[in-house]
C-alpha atoms as a PDB file:
ATOM      1  CA  MET A   1     103.351   3.134  77.837  1.00  0.00           C
ATOM      2  CA  ALA A   2     102.305  -0.640  78.407  1.00  0.00           C
ATOM      3  CA  ASP A   3     101.636  -2.839  75.754  1.00  0.00           C
ATOM      4  CA  ASN A   4      98.452  -3.085  76.211  1.00  0.00           C
ATOM      5  CA  ASP A   5      98.362   0.607  75.189  1.00  0.00           C
ATOM      6  CA  ASN A   6     100.084  -0.162  72.041  1.00  0.00           C
ATOM      7  CA  ASP A   7      97.581  -2.858  70.991  1.00  0.00           C
ATOM      8  CA  ALA A   8      94.694  -0.325  71.736  1.00  0.00           C
ATOM      9  CA  ARG A   9      96.044   2.444  69.570  1.00  0.00           C
ATOM     10  CA  ALA A  10      96.579  -0.629  66.866  1.00  0.00           C
ATOM     11  CA  ALA A  11      93.457  -1.688  66.773  1.00  0.00           C
ATOM     12  CA  TRP A  12      91.682   1.445  66.885  1.00  0.00           C
ATOM     13  CA  ALA A  13      93.732   2.477  63.911  1.00  0.00           C
ATOM     14  CA  HIS A  14      92.430  -0.787  62.120  1.00  0.00           C
ATOM     15  CA  ARG A  15      88.682   0.416  63.171  1.00  0.00           C
ATOM     16  CA  GLY A  16      88.607   3.685  61.830  1.00  0.00           C
ATOM     17  CA  HIS A  17      87.522   6.770  63.723  1.00  0.00           C
ATOM     18  CA  HIS A  18      86.146   4.572  66.543  1.00  0.00           C
ATOM     19  CA  ARG A  19      87.209   6.393  70.188  1.00  0.00           C
ATOM     20  CA  PRO A  20      90.094   3.927  71.312  1.00  0.00           C
ATOM     21  CA  VAL A  21      89.394   2.315  74.668  1.00  0.00           C
ATOM     22  CA  PHE A  22      92.431   4.241  76.586  1.00  0.00           C
ATOM     23  CA  ALA A  23      90.741   7.851  75.343  1.00  0.00           C
ATOM     24  CA  ARG A  24      88.343   9.549  78.113  1.00  0.00           C
ATOM     25  CA  VAL A  25      84.645   9.033  77.431  1.00  0.00           C
ATOM     26  CA  PRO A  26      83.201  12.709  77.061  1.00  0.00           C
ATOM     27  CA  GLY A  27      80.885  13.865  79.582  1.00  0.00           C
ATOM     28  CA  PRO A  28      77.705  16.026  78.724  1.00  0.00           C
ATOM     29  CA  GLY A  29      79.250  19.304  77.330  1.00  0.00           C
ATOM     30  CA  GLU A  30      82.623  18.210  76.208  1.00  0.00           C
ATOM     31  CA  GLU A  31      84.062  16.486  72.927  1.00  0.00           C
ATOM     32  CA  SER A  32      86.656  13.841  72.636  1.00  0.00           C
ATOM     33  CA  VAL A  33      89.762  14.490  70.506  1.00  0.00           C
ATOM     34  CA  TRP A  34      89.397  11.059  69.194  1.00  0.00           C
ATOM     35  CA  ASP A  35      85.710  11.651  67.872  1.00  0.00           C
ATOM     36  CA  TYR A  36      87.588  14.317  65.424  1.00  0.00           C
ATOM     37  CA  PRO A  37      88.195  13.163  61.528  1.00  0.00           C
ATOM     38  CA  ARG A  38      91.271  12.429  60.176  1.00  0.00           C
ATOM     39  CA  PRO A  39      91.972  14.386  57.301  1.00  0.00           C
ATOM     40  CA  PRO A  40      90.872  17.088  59.708  1.00  0.00           C
ATOM     41  CA  ASP A  41      87.733  19.414  59.166  1.00  0.00           C
ATOM     42  CA  ILE A  42      87.243  23.188  59.677  1.00  0.00           C
ATOM     43  CA  ARG A  43      84.250  24.141  62.131  1.00  0.00           C
ATOM     44  CA  PRO A  44      82.945  27.344  62.535  1.00  0.00           C
ATOM     45  CA  GLU A  45      83.522  28.974  65.955  1.00  0.00           C
ATOM     46  CA  SER A  46      80.591  31.654  67.602  1.00  0.00           C
ATOM     47  CA  ARG A  47      82.508  32.521  70.717  1.00  0.00           C
ATOM     48  CA  ALA A  48      84.447  35.032  70.972  1.00  0.00           C
ATOM     49  CA  VAL A  49      87.861  34.477  70.640  1.00  0.00           C
ATOM     50  CA  ARG A  50      90.930  37.154  71.788  1.00  0.00           C
ATOM     51  CA  VAL A  51      94.689  36.774  71.424  1.00  0.00           C
ATOM     52  CA  ILE A  52      96.812  38.793  73.562  1.00  0.00           C
ATOM     53  CA  ALA A  53     100.401  39.773  73.853  1.00  0.00           C
ATOM     54  CA  GLY A  54     101.156  41.500  77.184  1.00  0.00           C
ATOM     55  CA  ASP A  55      98.678  44.415  77.088  1.00  0.00           C
ATOM     56  CA  HIS A  56      97.848  44.672  73.757  1.00  0.00           C
ATOM     57  CA  VAL A  57      94.887  43.103  71.769  1.00  0.00           C
ATOM     58  CA  VAL A  58      96.551  41.095  68.797  1.00  0.00           C
ATOM     59  CA  ALA A  59      93.601  39.304  67.478  1.00  0.00           C
ATOM     60  CA  GLU A  60      89.531  39.292  68.569  1.00  0.00           C
ATOM     61  CA  THR A  61      86.776  37.881  66.601  1.00  0.00           C
ATOM     62  CA  HIS A  62      83.106  36.317  66.447  1.00  0.00           C
ATOM     63  CA  SER A  63      84.119  34.947  63.080  1.00  0.00           C
ATOM     64  CA  ALA A  64      87.098  32.291  64.247  1.00  0.00           C
ATOM     65  CA  VAL A  65      87.003  28.582  62.722  1.00  0.00           C
ATOM     66  CA  ARG A  66      88.639  25.144  64.463  1.00  0.00           C
ATOM     67  CA  LEU A  67      90.552  22.739  62.796  1.00  0.00           C
ATOM     68  CA  CYS A  68      89.571  19.770  64.285  1.00  0.00           C
ATOM     69  CA  GLU A  69      91.782  16.313  64.174  1.00  0.00           C
ATOM     70  CA  THR A  70      92.054  12.906  65.417  1.00  0.00           C
ATOM     71  CA  ALA A  71      93.958  13.424  68.920  1.00  0.00           C
ATOM     72  CA  SER A  72      94.626  17.137  69.073  1.00  0.00           C
ATOM     73  CA  PRO A  73      92.888  19.646  70.889  1.00  0.00           C
ATOM     74  CA  PRO A  74      91.393  22.167  68.307  1.00  0.00           C
ATOM     75  CA  THR A  75      93.782  24.886  66.509  1.00  0.00           C
ATOM     76  CA  PHE A  76      91.639  28.504  66.345  1.00  0.00           C
ATOM     77  CA  TYR A  77      92.154  30.275  63.287  1.00  0.00           C
ATOM     78  CA  ILE A  78      91.270  33.960  62.933  1.00  0.00           C
ATOM     79  CA  PRO A  79      90.363  36.179  60.063  1.00  0.00           C
ATOM     80  CA  GLY A  80      93.059  38.346  59.053  1.00  0.00           C
ATOM     81  CA  ALA A  81      90.781  41.290  59.473  1.00  0.00           C
ATOM     82  CA  ASP A  82      90.257  40.580  62.760  1.00  0.00           C
ATOM     83  CA  ILE A  83      94.117  40.648  63.686  1.00  0.00           C
ATOM     84  CA  ASP A  84      96.217  43.810  64.439  1.00  0.00           C
ATOM     85  CA  PRO A  85      98.383  43.951  61.145  1.00  0.00           C
ATOM     86  CA  GLY A  86     100.593  46.240  62.899  1.00  0.00           C
ATOM     87  CA  ALA A  87     101.817  43.327  65.318  1.00  0.00           C
ATOM     88  CA  LEU A  88     102.716  41.143  63.015  1.00  0.00           C
ATOM     89  CA  VAL A  89     106.313  40.964  61.400  1.00  0.00           C
ATOM     90  CA  ALA A  90     106.908  38.069  58.998  1.00  0.00           C
ATOM     91  CA  SER A  91     109.041  34.861  60.088  1.00  0.00           C
ATOM     92  CA  ARG A  92     111.847  32.934  57.842  1.00  0.00           C
ATOM     93  CA  THR A  93     110.281  29.551  59.542  1.00  0.00           C
ATOM     94  CA  ALA A  94     108.000  27.536  57.529  1.00  0.00           C
ATOM     95  CA  SER A  95     106.726  23.658  57.932  1.00  0.00           C
ATOM     96  CA  PHE A  96     104.678  21.384  56.225  1.00  0.00           C
ATOM     97  CA  CYS A  97     101.322  19.955  56.836  1.00  0.00           C
ATOM     98  CA  GLU A  98     100.349  17.016  54.600  1.00  0.00           C
ATOM     99  CA  TRP A  99      96.728  18.241  54.387  1.00  0.00           C
ATOM    100  CA  LYS A 100      97.165  22.014  54.230  1.00  0.00           C
ATOM    101  CA  GLY A 101     100.416  22.147  52.223  1.00  0.00           C
ATOM    102  CA  ARG A 102     103.246  25.199  53.408  1.00  0.00           C
ATOM    103  CA  ALA A 103     102.861  27.008  56.459  1.00  0.00           C
ATOM    104  CA  ALA A 104     104.604  30.821  57.287  1.00  0.00           C
ATOM    105  CA  TYR A 105     105.129  31.835  60.425  1.00  0.00           C
ATOM    106  CA  TRP A 106     104.906  35.494  61.902  1.00  0.00           C
ATOM    107  CA  HIS A 107     106.595  36.938  65.117  1.00  0.00           C
ATOM    108  CA  VAL A 108     104.113  39.037  67.603  1.00  0.00           C
ATOM    109  CA  MET A 109     105.263  42.507  68.297  1.00  0.00           C
ATOM    110  CA  THR A 110     104.049  44.660  70.824  1.00  0.00           C
ATOM    111  CA  GLY A 111     106.319  47.413  72.365  1.00  0.00           C
ATOM    112  CA  ASP A 112     109.370  46.353  72.512  1.00  0.00           C
ATOM    113  CA  THR A 113     108.723  42.965  73.139  1.00  0.00           C
ATOM    114  CA  ARG A 114     108.888  40.157  70.176  1.00  0.00           C
ATOM    115  CA  VAL A 115     107.069  36.536  70.699  1.00  0.00           C
ATOM    116  CA  ALA A 116     109.238  34.604  68.165  1.00  0.00           C
ATOM    117  CA  ASP A 117     106.991  32.416  65.516  1.00  0.00           C
ATOM    118  CA  ALA A 118     103.839  32.796  67.224  1.00  0.00           C
ATOM    119  CA  ALA A 119     101.384  32.812  64.515  1.00  0.00           C
ATOM    120  CA  TRP A 120     101.207  30.783  61.601  1.00  0.00           C
ATOM    121  CA  GLY A 121      98.798  29.943  58.642  1.00  0.00           C
ATOM    122  CA  TYR A 122      98.906  28.778  55.122  1.00  0.00           C
ATOM    123  CA  PRO A 123      98.684  31.551  52.941  1.00  0.00           C
ATOM    124  CA  ASP A 124      98.260  28.923  49.541  1.00  0.00           C
ATOM    125  CA  ALA A 125      96.345  26.560  51.369  1.00  0.00           C
ATOM    126  CA  ARG A 126      95.450  23.420  49.125  1.00  0.00           C
ATOM    127  CA  ALA A 127      91.875  23.561  47.980  1.00  0.00           C
ATOM    128  CA  ALA A 128      90.024  21.517  50.906  1.00  0.00           C
ATOM    129  CA  TYR A 129      91.703  24.413  53.194  1.00  0.00           C
ATOM    130  CA  GLY A 130      91.090  26.974  51.259  1.00  0.00           C
ATOM    131  CA  ALA A 131      88.901  28.694  54.047  1.00  0.00           C
ATOM    132  CA  LEU A 132      92.569  29.172  55.981  1.00  0.00           C
ATOM    133  CA  ALA A 133      94.173  30.901  53.188  1.00  0.00           C
ATOM    134  CA  HIS A 134      93.596  34.374  54.559  1.00  0.00           C
ATOM    135  CA  MET A 135      93.384  33.244  58.589  1.00  0.00           C
ATOM    136  CA  LEU A 136      96.196  32.649  61.131  1.00  0.00           C
ATOM    137  CA  ALA A 137      96.315  30.635  64.203  1.00  0.00           C
ATOM    138  CA  PHE A 138      98.337  31.286  67.654  1.00  0.00           C
ATOM    139  CA  TYR A 139     100.306  29.136  69.713  1.00  0.00           C
ATOM    140  CA  PRO A 140      98.724  29.702  72.953  1.00  0.00           C
ATOM    141  CA  GLY A 141     101.930  28.540  74.715  1.00  0.00           C
ATOM    142  CA  LYS A 142     103.246  31.849  73.245  1.00  0.00           C
ATOM    143  CA  LEU A 143     100.520  33.985  73.813  1.00  0.00           C
ATOM    144  CA  VAL A 144      97.432  34.786  76.253  1.00  0.00           C
ATOM    145  CA  CYS A 145      94.407  32.974  74.623  1.00  0.00           C
ATOM    146  CA  PHE A 146      90.864  33.216  75.518  1.00  0.00           C
ATOM    147  CA  VAL A 147      87.650  31.192  73.589  1.00  0.00           C
ATOM    148  CA  GLY A 148      84.879  33.045  75.524  1.00  0.00           C
ATOM    149  CA  ASP A 149      85.746  33.843  79.331  1.00  0.00           C
ATOM    150  CA  GLU A 150      88.092  30.974  79.295  1.00  0.00           C
ATOM    151  CA  ARG A 151      91.963  31.266  79.360  1.00  0.00           C
ATOM    152  CA  VAL A 152      92.892  28.553  76.390  1.00  0.00           C
ATOM    153  CA  ARG A 153      95.465  26.190  78.072  1.00  0.00           C
ATOM    154  CA  ALA A 154      98.407  25.036  75.156  1.00  0.00           C
ATOM    155  CA  GLN A 155      98.699  21.391  73.999  1.00  0.00           C
ATOM    156  CA  ALA A 156     101.572  19.675  75.302  1.00  0.00           C
ATOM    157  CA  GLY A 157     104.633  19.357  72.791  1.00  0.00           C
ATOM    158  CA  GLY A 158     106.483  22.580  71.418  1.00  0.00           C
ATOM    159  CA  PHE A 159     105.478  21.958  67.888  1.00  0.00           C
ATOM    160  CA  TYR A 160     101.498  21.710  68.431  1.00  0.00           C
ATOM    161  CA  GLY A 161      99.184  24.723  68.572  1.00  0.00           C
ATOM    162  CA  GLY A 162      96.132  23.179  69.763  1.00  0.00           C
ATOM    163  CA  TRP A 163      93.736  25.145  72.362  1.00  0.00           C
ATOM    164  CA  VAL A 164      92.867  23.016  75.345  1.00  0.00           C
ATOM    165  CA  THR A 165      89.391  24.509  76.761  1.00  0.00           C
ATOM    166  CA  ALA A 166      87.436  22.810  79.466  1.00  0.00           C
ATOM    167  CA  GLU A 167      84.884  21.109  77.074  1.00  0.00           C
ATOM    168  CA  ILE A 168      87.812  18.924  75.056  1.00  0.00           C
ATOM    169  CA  VAL A 169      89.215  15.547  76.589  1.00  0.00           C
ATOM    170  CA  GLY A 170      92.172  13.445  75.481  1.00  0.00           C
ATOM    171  CA  PRO A 171      94.850  12.030  75.967  1.00  0.00           C
ATOM    172  CA  TYR A 172      96.348  14.519  73.650  1.00  0.00           C
ATOM    173  CA  LYS A 173      98.851  14.099  71.046  1.00  0.00           C
ATOM    174  CA  GLY A 174     102.066  15.916  72.445  1.00  0.00           C
ATOM    175  CA  GLU A 175     101.882  14.415  76.106  1.00  0.00           C
ATOM    176  CA  PRO A 176     104.345  12.515  77.579  1.00  0.00           C
ATOM    177  CA  GLY A 177     104.134   8.798  75.949  1.00  0.00           C
ATOM    178  CA  THR A 178     102.292  10.101  72.829  1.00  0.00           C
ATOM    179  CA  GLN A 179     104.735  10.391  70.393  1.00  0.00           C
ATOM    180  CA  SER A 180     104.207   7.161  68.552  1.00  0.00           C
ATOM    181  CA  TRP A 181     100.210   8.513  67.410  1.00  0.00           C
END
């Protein structure tokens, strides 16, 4: 990473929510991940959202929400009522988010196929994120995910679960050279 990139990131951090100079400027119909807030916010999603493992539809909804946070593509959360409960097996994996609290994980099972830790959620989400308490997010790098008719690309990096669609511009957290963000 060039020194001027580090300087630009530092200047951006002190200015608040202004898009940094290294970020791509969004065109018509696009969103910059650098215009998303920190702490993240929850936004309703009206497009159809679908998650598939093999030939099995694990989740399908018109009631998803997007969690939008600075520097990351949105993470889509799907209501539990729109997820096939028979496709989920609780995992022992857990993680912690400074905003949402403790995350629990689930394996996705279809037939003889097990996709380890492919979904996560916040059953005891902190108050500001209480809307997520009965929802799950899915890793698009482990499953086939769609927003409308568009197949989602996975956010780079093994930990992040952002859904990259055509309207989202970065650069994004998780790409090479972004570990310091």
